[in-house]
Every structure is written in structure tokens, then in C-alpha cells.
Amino acid sequence: MVEEKGGECRHQLTLTNRENIAIKGVGQVISFDDAEIILDTEMGGLTVNGEDMHIKQLDLDKGVIIIEGLIRRMEYADNTRARGGKGKSKGLLERLLK
């Protein structure tokens, strides 16, 4: 859990019985289908893989998403922001031209 000043939680992930996942700190839904949902979160890109998944609730103003289905795997693509939030993630083109 990442907190900002005042103790307010910016990013939180709650998985219940591998069938329901609630995520706080979501900025954008990049793509989704019944097997994979890709999100941009306060902690970087997050991919959720599973079966028969659907978005039960989405409120981007509050940064909350609730996903139902069989959750098989969750993976963060970028943890730069997880290390204090000071680093900015590099774009794909910037990484390729390094």
C-alpha cells in the first residue's frame, strides 16, 4: 500500500478468493477482454490475467476498478514509481534509442 501525505491511500490491491479484485489508484484502462486486463496505476502498468473476467465497476474519477472472474496472474510492468515516486518511466522509444 502506498500512502501520500495525510495518510490517504493512493494505491491498494485487494484480491478475494482469486475471484474478485478491487484496485485503487487506477489512472486508465489500457485494454481489456475476458482473459487479460491492462491498467495504468499509481505504481506503473499492471496486467491482470485470468478467465471469464469482466469489469464489475469502474470509476476513473476515484481511481477504482473492480474485476470479477478467475484471476490467474497479476504483473506490474514498471515499478519505477514504487521506489518513492520520484522516477519517471521511460517511453518505449526512449528505451530503444538508449
PDB file of N, CA and C in Angstrom:
ATOM      1  N   MET A   1       0.846  -1.169   0.000  1.00  0.00           N
ATOM      2  CA  MET A   1       0.000   0.000   0.000  1.00  0.00           C
ATOM      3  C   MET A   1       0.894   1.236   0.000  1.00  0.00           C
ATOM      4  N   VAL A   2       0.635   2.167  -0.893  1.00  0.00           N
ATOM      5  CA  VAL A   2       1.389   3.409  -0.973  1.00  0.00           C
ATOM      6  C   VAL A   2       0.512   4.520  -0.443  1.00  0.00           C
ATOM      7  N   GLU A   3       1.067   5.301   0.473  1.00  0.00           N
ATOM      8  CA  GLU A   3       0.291   6.396   1.049  1.00  0.00           C
ATOM      9  C   GLU A   3       0.903   7.727   0.653  1.00  0.00           C
ATOM     10  N   GLU A   4       0.070   8.715   0.501  1.00  0.00           N
ATOM     11  CA  GLU A   4       0.549  10.066   0.271  1.00  0.00           C
ATOM     12  C   GLU A   4       0.337  10.855   1.544  1.00  0.00           C
ATOM     13  N   LYS A   5       0.736  12.099   1.534  1.00  0.00           N
ATOM     14  CA  LYS A   5       0.610  12.927   2.734  1.00  0.00           C
ATOM     15  C   LYS A   5      -0.809  12.913   3.256  1.00  0.00           C
ATOM     16  N   GLY A   6      -0.942  12.895   4.568  1.00  0.00           N
ATOM     17  CA  GLY A   6      -2.253  12.871   5.198  1.00  0.00           C
ATOM     18  C   GLY A   6      -2.766  11.462   5.418  1.00  0.00           C
ATOM     19  N   GLY A   7      -1.960  10.442   5.065  1.00  0.00           N
ATOM     20  CA  GLY A   7      -2.345   9.059   5.306  1.00  0.00           C
ATOM     21  C   GLY A   7      -3.325   8.489   4.306  1.00  0.00           C
ATOM     22  N   GLU A   8      -3.660   9.236   3.247  1.00  0.00           N
ATOM     23  CA  GLU A   8      -4.617   8.747   2.262  1.00  0.00           C
ATOM     24  C   GLU A   8      -3.939   7.752   1.322  1.00  0.00           C
ATOM     25  N   CYS A   9      -4.577   6.643   1.087  1.00  0.00           N
ATOM     26  CA  CYS A   9      -4.018   5.578   0.249  1.00  0.00           C
ATOM     27  C   CYS A   9      -4.182   5.940  -1.223  1.00  0.00           C
ATOM     28  N   ARG A  10      -3.079   5.890  -1.978  1.00  0.00           N
ATOM     29  CA  ARG A  10      -3.131   6.144  -3.417  1.00  0.00           C
ATOM     30  C   ARG A  10      -3.267   4.860  -4.218  1.00  0.00           C
ATOM     31  N   HIS A  11      -2.656   3.768  -3.736  1.00  0.00           N
ATOM     32  CA  HIS A  11      -2.704   2.509  -4.496  1.00  0.00           C
ATOM     33  C   HIS A  11      -2.905   1.350  -3.529  1.00  0.00           C
ATOM     34  N   GLN A  12      -3.916   0.558  -3.829  1.00  0.00           N
ATOM     35  CA  GLN A  12      -4.214  -0.606  -2.997  1.00  0.00           C
ATOM     36  C   GLN A  12      -4.843  -1.663  -3.884  1.00  0.00           C
ATOM     37  N   LEU A  13      -4.445  -2.904  -3.653  1.00  0.00           N
ATOM     38  CA  LEU A  13      -4.962  -4.028  -4.418  1.00  0.00           C
ATOM     39  C   LEU A  13      -5.499  -5.057  -3.434  1.00  0.00           C
ATOM     40  N   THR A  14      -6.777  -5.439  -3.579  1.00  0.00           N
ATOM     41  CA  THR A  14      -7.389  -6.423  -2.690  1.00  0.00           C
ATOM     42  C   THR A  14      -7.934  -7.565  -3.533  1.00  0.00           C
ATOM     43  N   LEU A  15      -7.375  -8.759  -3.319  1.00  0.00           N
ATOM     44  CA  LEU A  15      -7.805  -9.948  -4.042  1.00  0.00           C
ATOM     45  C   LEU A  15      -8.560 -10.853  -3.084  1.00  0.00           C
ATOM     46  N   THR A  16      -9.766 -11.266  -3.468  1.00  0.00           N
ATOM     47  CA  THR A  16     -10.594 -12.132  -2.628  1.00  0.00           C
ATOM     48  C   THR A  16     -10.872 -13.438  -3.361  1.00  0.00           C
ATOM     49  N   ASN A  17     -10.392 -14.538  -2.787  1.00  0.00           N
ATOM     50  CA  ASN A  17     -10.652 -15.887  -3.311  1.00  0.00           C
ATOM     51  C   ASN A  17     -10.313 -16.057  -4.793  1.00  0.00           C
ATOM     52  N   ARG A  18      -9.374 -15.280  -5.288  1.00  0.00           N
ATOM     53  CA  ARG A  18      -8.976 -15.332  -6.702  1.00  0.00           C
ATOM     54  C   ARG A  18     -10.145 -15.116  -7.651  1.00  0.00           C
ATOM     55  N   GLU A  19     -11.248 -14.564  -7.151  1.00  0.00           N
ATOM     56  CA  GLU A  19     -12.440 -14.359  -7.982  1.00  0.00           C
ATOM     57  C   GLU A  19     -12.864 -12.900  -8.074  1.00  0.00           C
ATOM     58  N   ASN A  20     -12.307 -12.066  -7.231  1.00  0.00           N
ATOM     59  CA  ASN A  20     -12.717 -10.665  -7.179  1.00  0.00           C
ATOM     60  C   ASN A  20     -11.497  -9.845  -6.804  1.00  0.00           C
ATOM     61  N   ILE A  21     -11.204  -8.827  -7.590  1.00  0.00           N
ATOM     62  CA  ILE A  21     -10.069  -7.966  -7.291  1.00  0.00           C
ATOM     63  C   ILE A  21     -10.524  -6.513  -7.354  1.00  0.00           C
ATOM     64  N   ALA A  22     -10.223  -5.772  -6.299  1.00  0.00           N
ATOM     65  CA  ALA A  22     -10.523  -4.343  -6.234  1.00  0.00           C
ATOM     66  C   ALA A  22      -9.188  -3.613  -6.215  1.00  0.00           C
ATOM     67  N   ILE A  23      -9.042  -2.627  -7.086  1.00  0.00           N
ATOM     68  CA  ILE A  23      -7.783  -1.894  -7.197  1.00  0.00           C
ATOM     69  C   ILE A  23      -8.068  -0.409  -7.076  1.00  0.00           C
ATOM     70  N   LYS A  24      -7.343   0.250  -6.160  1.00  0.00           N
ATOM     71  CA  LYS A  24      -7.381   1.708  -6.021  1.00  0.00           C
ATOM     72  C   LYS A  24      -6.123   2.273  -6.657  1.00  0.00           C
ATOM     73  N   GLY A  25      -6.204   3.474  -7.171  1.00  0.00           N
ATOM     74  CA  GLY A  25      -5.049   4.116  -7.781  1.00  0.00           C
ATOM     75  C   GLY A  25      -4.937   3.845  -9.262  1.00  0.00           C
ATOM     76  N   VAL A  26      -6.065   3.566  -9.912  1.00  0.00           N
ATOM     77  CA  VAL A  26      -6.090   3.301 -11.346  1.00  0.00           C
ATOM     78  C   VAL A  26      -6.272   4.616 -12.094  1.00  0.00           C
ATOM     79  N   GLY A  27      -5.393   4.849 -13.062  1.00  0.00           N
ATOM     80  CA  GLY A  27      -5.499   6.065 -13.866  1.00  0.00           C
ATOM     81  C   GLY A  27      -6.212   5.838 -15.181  1.00  0.00           C
ATOM     82  N   GLN A  28      -6.036   4.637 -15.740  1.00  0.00           N
ATOM     83  CA  GLN A  28      -6.570   4.375 -17.067  1.00  0.00           C
ATOM     84  C   GLN A  28      -6.656   2.873 -17.308  1.00  0.00           C
ATOM     85  N   VAL A  29      -7.673   2.458 -18.061  1.00  0.00           N
ATOM     86  CA  VAL A  29      -7.763   1.081 -18.552  1.00  0.00           C
ATOM     87  C   VAL A  29      -7.217   1.113 -19.972  1.00  0.00           C
ATOM     88  N   ILE A  30      -6.081   0.436 -20.175  1.00  0.00           N
ATOM     89  CA  ILE A  30      -5.432   0.435 -21.486  1.00  0.00           C
ATOM     90  C   ILE A  30      -6.155  -0.508 -22.446  1.00  0.00           C
ATOM     91  N   SER A  31      -6.423  -1.736 -21.998  1.00  0.00           N
ATOM     92  CA  SER A  31      -7.168  -2.692 -22.811  1.00  0.00           C
ATOM     93  C   SER A  31      -7.778  -3.749 -21.899  1.00  0.00           C
ATOM     94  N   PHE A  32      -8.809  -4.416 -22.430  1.00  0.00           N
ATOM     95  CA  PHE A  32      -9.429  -5.472 -21.638  1.00  0.00           C
ATOM     96  C   PHE A  32     -10.169  -6.453 -22.539  1.00  0.00           C
ATOM     97  N   ASP A  33     -10.150  -7.698 -22.114  1.00  0.00           N
ATOM     98  CA  ASP A  33     -11.012  -8.738 -22.661  1.00  0.00           C
ATOM     99  C   ASP A  33     -11.206  -9.755 -21.545  1.00  0.00           C
ATOM    100  N   ASP A  34     -11.830 -10.889 -21.830  1.00  0.00           N
ATOM    101  CA  ASP A  34     -12.154 -11.826 -20.757  1.00  0.00           C
ATOM    102  C   ASP A  34     -10.935 -12.580 -20.221  1.00  0.00           C
ATOM    103  N   ALA A  35      -9.768 -12.447 -20.876  1.00  0.00           N
ATOM    104  CA  ALA A  35      -8.564 -13.150 -20.429  1.00  0.00           C
ATOM    105  C   ALA A  35      -7.462 -12.225 -19.918  1.00  0.00           C
ATOM    106  N   GLU A  36      -7.512 -10.918 -20.266  1.00  0.00           N
ATOM    107  CA  GLU A  36      -6.446 -10.008 -19.871  1.00  0.00           C
ATOM    108  C   GLU A  36      -6.966  -8.581 -19.755  1.00  0.00           C
ATOM    109  N   ILE A  37      -6.593  -7.929 -18.661  1.00  0.00           N
ATOM    110  CA  ILE A  37      -6.928  -6.524 -18.453  1.00  0.00           C
ATOM    111  C   ILE A  37      -5.626  -5.798 -18.153  1.00  0.00           C
ATOM    112  N   ILE A  38      -5.352  -4.730 -18.910  1.00  0.00           N
ATOM    113  CA  ILE A  38      -4.126  -3.955 -18.733  1.00  0.00           C
ATOM    114  C   ILE A  38      -4.510  -2.569 -18.235  1.00  0.00           C
ATOM    115  N   LEU A  39      -3.891  -2.194 -17.094  1.00  0.00           N
ATOM    116  CA  LEU A  39      -4.214  -0.935 -16.431  1.00  0.00           C
ATOM    117  C   LEU A  39      -2.970  -0.077 -16.262  1.00  0.00           C
ATOM    118  N   ASP A  40      -3.164   1.227 -16.180  1.00  0.00           N
ATOM    119  CA  ASP A  40      -2.116   2.147 -15.753  1.00  0.00           C
ATOM    120  C   ASP A  40      -2.482   2.558 -14.335  1.00  0.00           C
ATOM    121  N   THR A  41      -1.586   2.295 -13.375  1.00  0.00           N
ATOM    122  CA  THR A  41      -1.866   2.592 -11.971  1.00  0.00           C
ATOM    123  C   THR A  41      -0.815   3.535 -11.404  1.00  0.00           C
ATOM    124  N   GLU A  42      -1.017   3.957 -10.178  1.00  0.00           N
ATOM    125  CA  GLU A  42      -0.058   4.795  -9.465  1.00  0.00           C
ATOM    126  C   GLU A  42       1.299   4.112  -9.318  1.00  0.00           C
ATOM    127  N   MET A  43       1.328   2.791  -9.420  1.00  0.00           N
ATOM    128  CA  MET A  43       2.556   2.029  -9.260  1.00  0.00           C
ATOM    129  C   MET A  43       3.099   1.516 -10.590  1.00  0.00           C
ATOM    130  N   GLY A  44       2.597   2.019 -11.701  1.00  0.00           N
ATOM    131  CA  GLY A  44       3.035   1.599 -13.021  1.00  0.00           C
ATOM    132  C   GLY A  44       1.995   0.740 -13.705  1.00  0.00           C
ATOM    133  N   GLY A  45       2.363   0.183 -14.833  1.00  0.00           N
ATOM    134  CA  GLY A  45       1.456  -0.670 -15.589  1.00  0.00           C
ATOM    135  C   GLY A  45       1.171  -1.956 -14.838  1.00  0.00           C
ATOM    136  N   LEU A  46      -0.077  -2.402 -14.882  1.00  0.00           N
ATOM    137  CA  LEU A  46      -0.483  -3.641 -14.215  1.00  0.00           C
ATOM    138  C   LEU A  46      -1.288  -4.476 -15.199  1.00  0.00           C
ATOM    139  N   THR A  47      -0.860  -5.732 -15.385  1.00  0.00           N
ATOM    140  CA  THR A  47      -1.583  -6.673 -16.227  1.00  0.00           C
ATOM    141  C   THR A  47      -2.201  -7.737 -15.340  1.00  0.00           C
ATOM    142  N   VAL A  48      -3.497  -7.957 -15.511  1.00  0.00           N
ATOM    143  CA  VAL A  48      -4.224  -8.988 -14.772  1.00  0.00           C
ATOM    144  C   VAL A  48      -4.669 -10.031 -15.791  1.00  0.00           C
ATOM    145  N   ASN A  49      -4.229 -11.278 -15.596  1.00  0.00           N
ATOM    146  CA  ASN A  49      -4.607 -12.371 -16.485  1.00  0.00           C
ATOM    147  C   ASN A  49      -5.530 -13.331 -15.749  1.00  0.00           C
ATOM    148  N   GLY A  50      -6.465 -13.926 -16.493  1.00  0.00           N
ATOM    149  CA  GLY A  50      -7.375 -14.878 -15.878  1.00  0.00           C
ATOM    150  C   GLY A  50      -8.341 -15.445 -16.889  1.00  0.00           C
ATOM    151  N   GLU A  51      -9.483 -15.896 -16.388  1.00  0.00           N
ATOM    152  CA  GLU A  51     -10.523 -16.487 -17.226  1.00  0.00           C
ATOM    153  C   GLU A  51     -11.871 -15.873 -16.881  1.00  0.00           C
ATOM    154  N   ASP A  52     -12.684 -15.678 -17.899  1.00  0.00           N
ATOM    155  CA  ASP A  52     -14.045 -15.144 -17.733  1.00  0.00           C
ATOM    156  C   ASP A  52     -14.061 -13.867 -16.897  1.00  0.00           C
ATOM    157  N   MET A  53     -13.086 -13.009 -17.110  1.00  0.00           N
ATOM    158  CA  MET A  53     -13.017 -11.762 -16.335  1.00  0.00           C
ATOM    159  C   MET A  53     -13.903 -10.699 -16.977  1.00  0.00           C
ATOM    160  N   HIS A  54     -14.508  -9.900 -16.117  1.00  0.00           N
ATOM    161  CA  HIS A  54     -15.243  -8.739 -16.581  1.00  0.00           C
ATOM    162  C   HIS A  54     -15.116  -7.629 -15.545  1.00  0.00           C
ATOM    163  N   ILE A  55     -15.282  -6.421 -16.013  1.00  0.00           N
ATOM    164  CA  ILE A  55     -15.188  -5.259 -15.138  1.00  0.00           C
ATOM    165  C   ILE A  55     -16.557  -5.034 -14.522  1.00  0.00           C
ATOM    166  N   LYS A  56     -16.637  -5.237 -13.214  1.00  0.00           N
ATOM    167  CA  LYS A  56     -17.899  -5.070 -12.499  1.00  0.00           C
ATOM    168  C   LYS A  56     -18.157  -3.595 -12.213  1.00  0.00           C
ATOM    169  N   GLN A  57     -17.093  -2.860 -11.863  1.00  0.00           N
ATOM    170  CA  GLN A  57     -17.239  -1.437 -11.538  1.00  0.00           C
ATOM    171  C   GLN A  57     -15.991  -0.699 -11.981  1.00  0.00           C
ATOM    172  N   LEU A  58     -16.170   0.493 -12.538  1.00  0.00           N
ATOM    173  CA  LEU A  58     -15.057   1.334 -12.946  1.00  0.00           C
ATOM    174  C   LEU A  58     -15.417   2.779 -12.659  1.00  0.00           C
ATOM    175  N   ASP A  59     -14.583   3.434 -11.862  1.00  0.00           N
ATOM    176  CA  ASP A  59     -14.754   4.854 -11.559  1.00  0.00           C
ATOM    177  C   ASP A  59     -13.375   5.504 -11.633  1.00  0.00           C
ATOM    178  N   LEU A  60     -13.040   6.028 -12.819  1.00  0.00           N
ATOM    179  CA  LEU A  60     -11.720   6.620 -13.001  1.00  0.00           C
ATOM    180  C   LEU A  60     -11.559   7.939 -12.255  1.00  0.00           C
ATOM    181  N   ASP A  61     -12.669   8.620 -11.947  1.00  0.00           N
ATOM    182  CA  ASP A  61     -12.574   9.838 -11.139  1.00  0.00           C
ATOM    183  C   ASP A  61     -12.030   9.522  -9.752  1.00  0.00           C
ATOM    184  N   LYS A  62     -12.441   8.377  -9.204  1.00  0.00           N
ATOM    185  CA  LYS A  62     -11.947   7.941  -7.889  1.00  0.00           C
ATOM    186  C   LYS A  62     -10.743   7.007  -8.025  1.00  0.00           C
ATOM    187  N   GLY A  63     -10.447   6.550  -9.251  1.00  0.00           N
ATOM    188  CA  GLY A  63      -9.321   5.655  -9.483  1.00  0.00           C
ATOM    189  C   GLY A  63      -9.566   4.242  -9.006  1.00  0.00           C
ATOM    190  N   VAL A  64     -10.819   3.761  -9.118  1.00  0.00           N
ATOM    191  CA  VAL A  64     -11.189   2.443  -8.587  1.00  0.00           C
ATOM    192  C   VAL A  64     -11.721   1.554  -9.707  1.00  0.00           C
ATOM    193  N   ILE A  65     -11.280   0.291  -9.692  1.00  0.00           N
ATOM    194  CA  ILE A  65     -11.830  -0.716 -10.593  1.00  0.00           C
ATOM    195  C   ILE A  65     -12.065  -1.993  -9.794  1.00  0.00           C
ATOM    196  N   ILE A  66     -13.154  -2.684 -10.113  1.00  0.00           N
ATOM    197  CA  ILE A  66     -13.441  -3.989  -9.512  1.00  0.00           C
ATOM    198  C   ILE A  66     -13.610  -4.971 -10.667  1.00  0.00           C
ATOM    199  N   ILE A  67     -12.837  -6.054 -10.596  1.00  0.00           N
ATOM    200  CA  ILE A  67     -12.832  -7.067 -11.643  1.00  0.00           C
ATOM    201  C   ILE A  67     -13.299  -8.389 -11.042  1.00  0.00           C
ATOM    202  N   GLU A  68     -14.190  -9.081 -11.769  1.00  0.00           N
ATOM    203  CA  GLU A  68     -14.639 -10.411 -11.351  1.00  0.00           C
ATOM    204  C   GLU A  68     -14.200 -11.431 -12.387  1.00  0.00           C
ATOM    205  N   GLY A  69     -13.956 -12.651 -11.939  1.00  0.00           N
ATOM    206  CA  GLY A  69     -13.523 -13.739 -12.797  1.00  0.00           C
ATOM    207  C   GLY A  69     -12.426 -14.516 -12.089  1.00  0.00           C
ATOM    208  N   LEU A  70     -11.913 -15.543 -12.728  1.00  0.00           N
ATOM    209  CA  LEU A  70     -10.839 -16.331 -12.133  1.00  0.00           C
ATOM    210  C   LEU A  70      -9.509 -15.641 -12.414  1.00  0.00           C
ATOM    211  N   ILE A  71      -8.858 -15.131 -11.360  1.00  0.00           N
ATOM    212  CA  ILE A  71      -7.591 -14.423 -11.501  1.00  0.00           C
ATOM    213  C   ILE A  71      -6.455 -15.439 -11.471  1.00  0.00           C
ATOM    214  N   ARG A  72      -5.673 -15.483 -12.524  1.00  0.00           N
ATOM    215  CA  ARG A  72      -4.548 -16.418 -12.612  1.00  0.00           C
ATOM    216  C   ARG A  72      -3.211 -15.744 -12.324  1.00  0.00           C
ATOM    217  N   ARG A  73      -3.054 -14.470 -12.740  1.00  0.00           N
ATOM    218  CA  ARG A  73      -1.762 -13.814 -12.585  1.00  0.00           C
ATOM    219  C   ARG A  73      -1.923 -12.300 -12.606  1.00  0.00           C
ATOM    220  N   MET A  74      -1.074 -11.624 -11.813  1.00  0.00           N
ATOM    221  CA  MET A  74      -1.002 -10.170 -11.829  1.00  0.00           C
ATOM    222  C   MET A  74       0.468  -9.792 -11.935  1.00  0.00           C
ATOM    223  N   GLU A  75       0.775  -8.821 -12.797  1.00  0.00           N
ATOM    224  CA  GLU A  75       2.169  -8.454 -13.001  1.00  0.00           C
ATOM    225  C   GLU A  75       2.281  -6.956 -13.262  1.00  0.00           C
ATOM    226  N   TYR A  76       3.186  -6.314 -12.505  1.00  0.00           N
ATOM    227  CA  TYR A  76       3.484  -4.907 -12.725  1.00  0.00           C
ATOM    228  C   TYR A  76       4.566  -4.795 -13.782  1.00  0.00           C
ATOM    229  N   ALA A  77       4.352  -3.945 -14.763  1.00  0.00           N
ATOM    230  CA  ALA A  77       5.307  -3.772 -15.854  1.00  0.00           C
ATOM    231  C   ALA A  77       6.401  -2.790 -15.497  1.00  0.00           C
ATOM    232  N   ASP A  78       6.138  -1.856 -14.603  1.00  0.00           N
ATOM    233  CA  ASP A  78       7.102  -0.819 -14.271  1.00  0.00           C
ATOM    234  C   ASP A  78       6.977  -0.504 -12.795  1.00  0.00           C
ATOM    235  N   ASN A  79       8.058  -0.670 -12.045  1.00  0.00           N
ATOM    236  CA  ASN A  79       7.997  -0.361 -10.618  1.00  0.00           C
ATOM    237  C   ASN A  79       8.782   0.889 -10.266  1.00  0.00           C
ATOM    238  N   THR A  80       9.100   1.734 -11.260  1.00  0.00           N
ATOM    239  CA  THR A  80       9.843   2.961 -11.009  1.00  0.00           C
ATOM    240  C   THR A  80       9.123   3.818  -9.979  1.00  0.00           C
ATOM    241  N   ARG A  81       7.821   3.960 -10.130  1.00  0.00           N
ATOM    242  CA  ARG A  81       7.056   4.806  -9.207  1.00  0.00           C
ATOM    243  C   ARG A  81       6.945   4.168  -7.832  1.00  0.00           C
ATOM    244  N   ALA A  82       7.160   2.867  -7.741  1.00  0.00           N
ATOM    245  CA  ALA A  82       7.074   2.180  -6.452  1.00  0.00           C
ATOM    246  C   ALA A  82       8.254   2.524  -5.553  1.00  0.00           C
ATOM    247  N   ARG A  83       9.334   3.024  -6.143  1.00  0.00           N
ATOM    248  CA  ARG A  83      10.527   3.348  -5.366  1.00  0.00           C
ATOM    249  C   ARG A  83      10.552   4.829  -5.012  1.00  0.00           C
ATOM    250  N   GLY A  84       9.522   5.289  -4.352  1.00  0.00           N
ATOM    251  CA  GLY A  84       9.498   6.663  -3.875  1.00  0.00           C
ATOM    252  C   GLY A  84       8.755   7.619  -4.772  1.00  0.00           C
ATOM    253  N   GLY A  85       8.339   7.167  -5.946  1.00  0.00           N
ATOM    254  CA  GLY A  85       7.539   8.011  -6.825  1.00  0.00           C
ATOM    255  C   GLY A  85       8.309   9.122  -7.489  1.00  0.00           C
ATOM    256  N   LYS A  86       9.653   9.146  -7.401  1.00  0.00           N
ATOM    257  CA  LYS A  86      10.426  10.252  -7.948  1.00  0.00           C
ATOM    258  C   LYS A  86      10.799  10.037  -9.397  1.00  0.00           C
ATOM    259  N   GLY A  87      10.973   8.775  -9.796  1.00  0.00           N
ATOM    260  CA  GLY A  87      11.388   8.499 -11.165  1.00  0.00           C
ATOM    261  C   GLY A  87      10.229   8.526 -12.119  1.00  0.00           C
ATOM    262  N   LYS A  88      10.542   8.898 -13.362  1.00  0.00           N
ATOM    263  CA  LYS A  88       9.530   8.884 -14.396  1.00  0.00           C
ATOM    264  C   LYS A  88       9.824   7.695 -15.288  1.00  0.00           C
ATOM    265  N   SER A  89       8.811   6.942 -15.665  1.00  0.00           N
ATOM    266  CA  SER A  89       9.066   5.787 -16.511  1.00  0.00           C
ATOM    267  C   SER A  89       9.461   6.257 -17.903  1.00  0.00           C
ATOM    268  N   LYS A  90      10.385   5.540 -18.532  1.00  0.00           N
ATOM    269  CA  LYS A  90      10.837   5.873 -19.868  1.00  0.00           C
ATOM    270  C   LYS A  90       9.873   5.290 -20.878  1.00  0.00           C
ATOM    271  N   GLY A  91       9.639   6.032 -21.948  1.00  0.00           N
ATOM    272  CA  GLY A  91       8.801   5.539 -23.010  1.00  0.00           C
ATOM    273  C   GLY A  91       9.524   4.476 -23.812  1.00  0.00           C
ATOM    274  N   LEU A  92       8.784   3.712 -24.586  1.00  0.00           N
ATOM    275  CA  LEU A  92       9.345   2.628 -25.379  1.00  0.00           C
ATOM    276  C   LEU A  92      10.398   3.156 -26.348  1.00  0.00           C
ATOM    277  N   LEU A  93      10.114   4.236 -27.033  1.00  0.00           N
ATOM    278  CA  LEU A  93      11.053   4.799 -27.995  1.00  0.00           C
ATOM    279  C   LEU A  93      12.345   5.240 -27.309  1.00  0.00           C
ATOM    280  N   GLU A  94      12.228   5.871 -26.146  1.00  0.00           N
ATOM    281  CA  GLU A  94      13.394   6.319 -25.397  1.00  0.00           C
ATOM    282  C   GLU A  94      14.265   5.143 -24.974  1.00  0.00           C
ATOM    283  N   ARG A  95      13.639   4.030 -24.575  1.00  0.00           N
ATOM    284  CA  ARG A  95      14.401   2.849 -24.192  1.00  0.00           C
ATOM    285  C   ARG A  95      15.099   2.207 -25.384  1.00  0.00           C
ATOM    286  N   LEU A  96      14.442   2.195 -26.547  1.00  0.00           N
ATOM    287  CA  LEU A  96      15.023   1.591 -27.732  1.00  0.00           C
ATOM    288  C   LEU A  96      16.205   2.399 -28.265  1.00  0.00           C
ATOM    289  N   LEU A  97      16.142   3.709 -28.133  1.00  0.00           N
ATOM    290  CA  LEU A  97      17.195   4.578 -28.661  1.00  0.00           C
ATOM    291  C   LEU A  97      18.314   4.839 -27.667  1.00  0.00           C
ATOM    292  N   LYS A  98      18.310   4.150 -26.565  1.00  0.00           N
ATOM    293  CA  LYS A  98      19.276   4.318 -25.484  1.00  0.00           C
ATOM    294  C   LYS A  98      20.694   4.095 -25.921  1.00  0.00           C
TER     295      LYS A  98
END
